Amino acid sequence: MSAAPRLRSLPDRVRQIALFEVGGLVLITPPFAWASGVPLADSAGLLALVALIAALWNAGYNTAFDWAEGRLTGRTADRRPLSLRVLHAFGFEGGLLLMSLPVIMGWTGMGWLEALVADIGLALAYVAYAFAFNLSYDRVFPIVADLPDVARQAE
């Protein structure tokens, strides 16, 4: 069996999370405020809190998913096929939905059904965003393989 593929470095993972969360806030807060009727400032605060929760979830989920994928397939995350990218995005958002529903209910005073609809709307928006973001991120910031010893000696 070959060696396990490289995972993203900690600085790379931090950059990925920060860019994802800032981009998500900028793109998704205005439509959420409009659709939910929650004022923009309150929506921004709520989504910033959900973004913090998501950032922590993102770090753990992506690292675990990348690790498992690498062990099972020998492939790095930037080589992930389309079907697995879809599964990855839905798994991330499903887990986040379970954590964010009580936060949305508490922050907005919505009942559980209204908050669930709002949370599902957010999840659907973020699934599409996560798919596009992660595909783009992997293309712009590929995981660089270690240089073989021969290549290192030539440097």
C-alpha atoms as a PDB file:
ATOM      1  CA  MET A   1       0.000   0.000   0.000  1.00  0.00           C
ATOM      2  CA  SER A   2       1.304   3.473  -0.827  1.00  0.00           C
ATOM      3  CA  ALA A   3       1.955   6.231   1.669  1.00  0.00           C
ATOM      4  CA  ALA A   4      -1.023   8.325   2.757  1.00  0.00           C
ATOM      5  CA  PRO A   5      -1.532  11.422   0.610  1.00  0.00           C
ATOM      6  CA  ARG A   6      -0.721  14.844   1.999  1.00  0.00           C
ATOM      7  CA  LEU A   7      -3.351  16.861   3.800  1.00  0.00           C
ATOM      8  CA  ARG A   8      -3.567  20.624   3.640  1.00  0.00           C
ATOM      9  CA  SER A   9      -1.190  22.417   5.988  1.00  0.00           C
ATOM     10  CA  LEU A  10      -2.584  24.295   8.992  1.00  0.00           C
ATOM     11  CA  PRO A  11      -1.963  27.741   7.403  1.00  0.00           C
ATOM     12  CA  ASP A  12      -3.614  26.558   4.180  1.00  0.00           C
ATOM     13  CA  ARG A  13      -6.615  25.194   6.122  1.00  0.00           C
ATOM     14  CA  VAL A  14      -6.941  28.476   8.060  1.00  0.00           C
ATOM     15  CA  ARG A  15      -6.855  30.443   4.790  1.00  0.00           C
ATOM     16  CA  GLN A  16      -9.487  28.119   3.297  1.00  0.00           C
ATOM     17  CA  ILE A  17     -11.817  28.524   6.278  1.00  0.00           C
ATOM     18  CA  ALA A  18     -11.383  32.305   6.503  1.00  0.00           C
ATOM     19  CA  LEU A  19     -12.025  32.851   2.789  1.00  0.00           C
ATOM     20  CA  PHE A  20     -15.019  30.530   2.860  1.00  0.00           C
ATOM     21  CA  GLU A  21     -16.678  32.184   5.845  1.00  0.00           C
ATOM     22  CA  VAL A  22     -16.080  35.793   4.759  1.00  0.00           C
ATOM     23  CA  GLY A  23     -17.306  35.031   1.246  1.00  0.00           C
ATOM     24  CA  GLY A  24     -20.370  33.273   2.599  1.00  0.00           C
ATOM     25  CA  LEU A  25     -21.285  36.204   4.857  1.00  0.00           C
ATOM     26  CA  VAL A  26     -20.935  38.710   2.036  1.00  0.00           C
ATOM     27  CA  LEU A  27     -22.957  36.642  -0.437  1.00  0.00           C
ATOM     28  CA  ILE A  28     -25.654  35.113   1.775  1.00  0.00           C
ATOM     29  CA  THR A  29     -26.521  37.678   4.489  1.00  0.00           C
ATOM     30  CA  PRO A  30     -28.463  40.119   2.252  1.00  0.00           C
ATOM     31  CA  PRO A  31     -30.734  37.462   0.694  1.00  0.00           C
ATOM     32  CA  PHE A  32     -31.290  35.875   4.135  1.00  0.00           C
ATOM     33  CA  ALA A  33     -32.333  39.228   5.614  1.00  0.00           C
ATOM     34  CA  TRP A  34     -34.695  39.850   2.723  1.00  0.00           C
ATOM     35  CA  ALA A  35     -36.270  36.374   2.759  1.00  0.00           C
ATOM     36  CA  SER A  36     -36.556  36.010   6.541  1.00  0.00           C
ATOM     37  CA  GLY A  37     -37.668  39.526   7.391  1.00  0.00           C
ATOM     38  CA  VAL A  38     -34.917  39.683  10.039  1.00  0.00           C
ATOM     39  CA  PRO A  39     -33.252  43.132   9.901  1.00  0.00           C
ATOM     40  CA  LEU A  40     -29.916  43.217   8.076  1.00  0.00           C
ATOM     41  CA  ALA A  41     -27.875  44.024  11.201  1.00  0.00           C
ATOM     42  CA  ASP A  42     -29.531  41.197  13.167  1.00  0.00           C
ATOM     43  CA  SER A  43     -29.077  38.849  10.203  1.00  0.00           C
ATOM     44  CA  ALA A  44     -25.402  39.787   9.982  1.00  0.00           C
ATOM     45  CA  GLY A  45     -24.912  39.090  13.704  1.00  0.00           C
ATOM     46  CA  LEU A  46     -26.754  35.786  13.503  1.00  0.00           C
ATOM     47  CA  LEU A  47     -24.921  34.640  10.409  1.00  0.00           C
ATOM     48  CA  ALA A  48     -21.585  35.735  11.912  1.00  0.00           C
ATOM     49  CA  LEU A  49     -22.315  33.492  14.917  1.00  0.00           C
ATOM     50  CA  VAL A  50     -23.369  30.648  12.629  1.00  0.00           C
ATOM     51  CA  ALA A  51     -20.185  31.312  10.617  1.00  0.00           C
ATOM     52  CA  LEU A  52     -18.096  30.903  13.782  1.00  0.00           C
ATOM     53  CA  ILE A  53     -19.825  27.603  14.509  1.00  0.00           C
ATOM     54  CA  ALA A  54     -19.373  26.636  10.866  1.00  0.00           C
ATOM     55  CA  ALA A  55     -15.676  27.555  10.924  1.00  0.00           C
ATOM     56  CA  LEU A  56     -15.065  25.201  13.827  1.00  0.00           C
ATOM     57  CA  TRP A  57     -17.161  22.500  12.161  1.00  0.00           C
ATOM     58  CA  ASN A  58     -15.384  23.188   8.853  1.00  0.00           C
ATOM     59  CA  ALA A  59     -11.952  22.565  10.347  1.00  0.00           C
ATOM     60  CA  GLY A  60     -12.934  19.283  11.942  1.00  0.00           C
ATOM     61  CA  TYR A  61     -15.185  18.012   9.161  1.00  0.00           C
ATOM     62  CA  ASN A  62     -12.843  18.807   6.272  1.00  0.00           C
ATOM     63  CA  THR A  63      -9.795  17.411   8.025  1.00  0.00           C
ATOM     64  CA  ALA A  64     -11.638  14.203   8.943  1.00  0.00           C
ATOM     65  CA  PHE A  65     -13.180  13.868   5.466  1.00  0.00           C
ATOM     66  CA  ASP A  66      -9.831  14.484   3.739  1.00  0.00           C
ATOM     67  CA  TRP A  67      -8.107  12.005   6.063  1.00  0.00           C
ATOM     68  CA  ALA A  68     -10.732   9.307   5.471  1.00  0.00           C
ATOM     69  CA  GLU A  69     -10.772   9.902   1.716  1.00  0.00           C
ATOM     70  CA  GLY A  70      -6.978   9.727   1.593  1.00  0.00           C
ATOM     71  CA  ARG A  71      -6.859   6.482   3.546  1.00  0.00           C
ATOM     72  CA  LEU A  72      -9.636   4.864   1.501  1.00  0.00           C
ATOM     73  CA  THR A  73      -8.606   6.057  -1.971  1.00  0.00           C
ATOM     74  CA  GLY A  74      -4.977   7.213  -1.763  1.00  0.00           C
ATOM     75  CA  ARG A  75      -6.096  10.489  -3.343  1.00  0.00           C
ATOM     76  CA  THR A  76      -5.611  14.066  -2.094  1.00  0.00           C
ATOM     77  CA  ALA A  77      -8.644  16.310  -1.578  1.00  0.00           C
ATOM     78  CA  ASP A  78      -7.839  18.506  -4.579  1.00  0.00           C
ATOM     79  CA  ARG A  79      -8.312  15.434  -6.812  1.00  0.00           C
ATOM     80  CA  ARG A  80     -11.788  14.655  -5.413  1.00  0.00           C
ATOM     81  CA  PRO A  81     -14.293  13.544  -8.079  1.00  0.00           C
ATOM     82  CA  LEU A  82     -17.550  15.408  -8.652  1.00  0.00           C
ATOM     83  CA  SER A  83     -19.796  12.820  -6.996  1.00  0.00           C
ATOM     84  CA  LEU A  84     -17.727  12.857  -3.805  1.00  0.00           C
ATOM     85  CA  ARG A  85     -17.708  16.689  -3.821  1.00  0.00           C
ATOM     86  CA  VAL A  86     -21.510  16.612  -3.776  1.00  0.00           C
ATOM     87  CA  LEU A  87     -21.530  14.134  -0.873  1.00  0.00           C
ATOM     88  CA  HIS A  88     -18.919  16.244   0.938  1.00  0.00           C
ATOM     89  CA  ALA A  89     -20.998  19.438   0.603  1.00  0.00           C
ATOM     90  CA  PHE A  90     -24.240  17.802   1.775  1.00  0.00           C
ATOM     91  CA  GLY A  91     -22.513  16.091   4.709  1.00  0.00           C
ATOM     92  CA  PHE A  92     -21.018  19.356   5.850  1.00  0.00           C
ATOM     93  CA  GLU A  93     -24.305  21.249   5.620  1.00  0.00           C
ATOM     94  CA  GLY A  94     -26.323  18.459   7.243  1.00  0.00           C
ATOM     95  CA  GLY A  95     -24.069  18.481  10.298  1.00  0.00           C
ATOM     96  CA  LEU A  96     -24.112  22.255  10.459  1.00  0.00           C
ATOM     97  CA  LEU A  97     -27.917  22.306  10.253  1.00  0.00           C
ATOM     98  CA  LEU A  98     -28.121  20.208  13.419  1.00  0.00           C
ATOM     99  CA  MET A  99     -25.894  22.693  15.257  1.00  0.00           C
ATOM    100  CA  SER A 100     -27.357  25.921  13.879  1.00  0.00           C
ATOM    101  CA  LEU A 101     -31.106  25.300  14.260  1.00  0.00           C
ATOM    102  CA  PRO A 102     -31.177  26.025  18.012  1.00  0.00           C
ATOM    103  CA  VAL A 103     -29.044  29.149  17.457  1.00  0.00           C
ATOM    104  CA  ILE A 104     -31.433  30.517  14.825  1.00  0.00           C
ATOM    105  CA  MET A 105     -34.414  29.836  17.068  1.00  0.00           C
ATOM    106  CA  GLY A 106     -32.811  31.571  20.032  1.00  0.00           C
ATOM    107  CA  TRP A 107     -31.476  34.575  18.095  1.00  0.00           C
ATOM    108  CA  THR A 108     -34.596  35.365  16.075  1.00  0.00           C
ATOM    109  CA  GLY A 109     -37.390  34.081  18.318  1.00  0.00           C
ATOM    110  CA  MET A 110     -38.662  31.987  15.403  1.00  0.00           C
ATOM    111  CA  GLY A 111     -40.564  28.817  16.155  1.00  0.00           C
ATOM    112  CA  TRP A 112     -38.838  25.572  15.326  1.00  0.00           C
ATOM    113  CA  LEU A 113     -40.635  25.086  11.993  1.00  0.00           C
ATOM    114  CA  GLU A 114     -39.957  28.636  10.788  1.00  0.00           C
ATOM    115  CA  ALA A 115     -36.339  28.373  11.950  1.00  0.00           C
ATOM    116  CA  LEU A 116     -36.024  24.982  10.239  1.00  0.00           C
ATOM    117  CA  VAL A 117     -37.245  26.462   6.950  1.00  0.00           C
ATOM    118  CA  ALA A 118     -34.795  29.382   7.344  1.00  0.00           C
ATOM    119  CA  ASP A 119     -31.981  26.984   8.265  1.00  0.00           C
ATOM    120  CA  ILE A 120     -32.736  24.699   5.319  1.00  0.00           C
ATOM    121  CA  GLY A 121     -32.714  27.754   3.049  1.00  0.00           C
ATOM    122  CA  LEU A 122     -29.321  28.722   4.442  1.00  0.00           C
ATOM    123  CA  ALA A 123     -28.090  25.153   4.084  1.00  0.00           C
ATOM    124  CA  LEU A 124     -29.165  24.959   0.436  1.00  0.00           C
ATOM    125  CA  ALA A 125     -27.501  28.288  -0.320  1.00  0.00           C
ATOM    126  CA  TYR A 126     -24.332  27.173   1.445  1.00  0.00           C
ATOM    127  CA  VAL A 127     -24.317  23.757  -0.260  1.00  0.00           C
ATOM    128  CA  ALA A 128     -24.168  25.476  -3.640  1.00  0.00           C
ATOM    129  CA  TYR A 129     -21.624  27.979  -2.328  1.00  0.00           C
ATOM    130  CA  ALA A 130     -19.495  25.251  -0.652  1.00  0.00           C
ATOM    131  CA  PHE A 131     -19.421  23.206  -3.840  1.00  0.00           C
ATOM    132  CA  ALA A 132     -18.310  26.158  -5.979  1.00  0.00           C
ATOM    133  CA  PHE A 133     -15.925  27.540  -3.365  1.00  0.00           C
ATOM    134  CA  ASN A 134     -14.130  24.255  -2.644  1.00  0.00           C
ATOM    135  CA  LEU A 135     -13.806  23.385  -6.315  1.00  0.00           C
ATOM    136  CA  SER A 136     -12.354  26.844  -6.993  1.00  0.00           C
ATOM    137  CA  TYR A 137     -10.122  26.751  -3.910  1.00  0.00           C
ATOM    138  CA  ASP A 138      -8.654  23.397  -4.921  1.00  0.00           C
ATOM    139  CA  ARG A 139      -7.866  24.760  -8.378  1.00  0.00           C
ATOM    140  CA  VAL A 140      -6.320  28.010  -7.120  1.00  0.00           C
ATOM    141  CA  PHE A 141      -4.482  26.423  -4.148  1.00  0.00           C
ATOM    142  CA  PRO A 142      -3.618  22.807  -5.068  1.00  0.00           C
ATOM    143  CA  ILE A 143      -1.932  20.586  -2.515  1.00  0.00           C
ATOM    144  CA  VAL A 144       1.732  20.560  -3.470  1.00  0.00           C
ATOM    145  CA  ALA A 145       3.316  17.139  -3.220  1.00  0.00           C
ATOM    146  CA  ASP A 146       6.618  16.708  -1.464  1.00  0.00           C
ATOM    147  CA  LEU A 147       9.537  16.797  -3.864  1.00  0.00           C
ATOM    148  CA  PRO A 148      11.322  13.454  -4.284  1.00  0.00           C
ATOM    149  CA  ASP A 149      14.802  13.272  -2.782  1.00  0.00           C
ATOM    150  CA  VAL A 150      16.403  13.473  -6.252  1.00  0.00           C
ATOM    151  CA  ALA A 151      14.585  16.725  -6.999  1.00  0.00           C
ATOM    152  CA  ARG A 152      15.603  18.149  -3.618  1.00  0.00           C
ATOM    153  CA  GLN A 153      19.255  17.339  -4.319  1.00  0.00           C
ATOM    154  CA  ALA A 154      19.073  19.209  -7.636  1.00  0.00           C
ATOM    155  CA  GLU A 155      17.862  22.417  -5.945  1.00  0.00           C
END
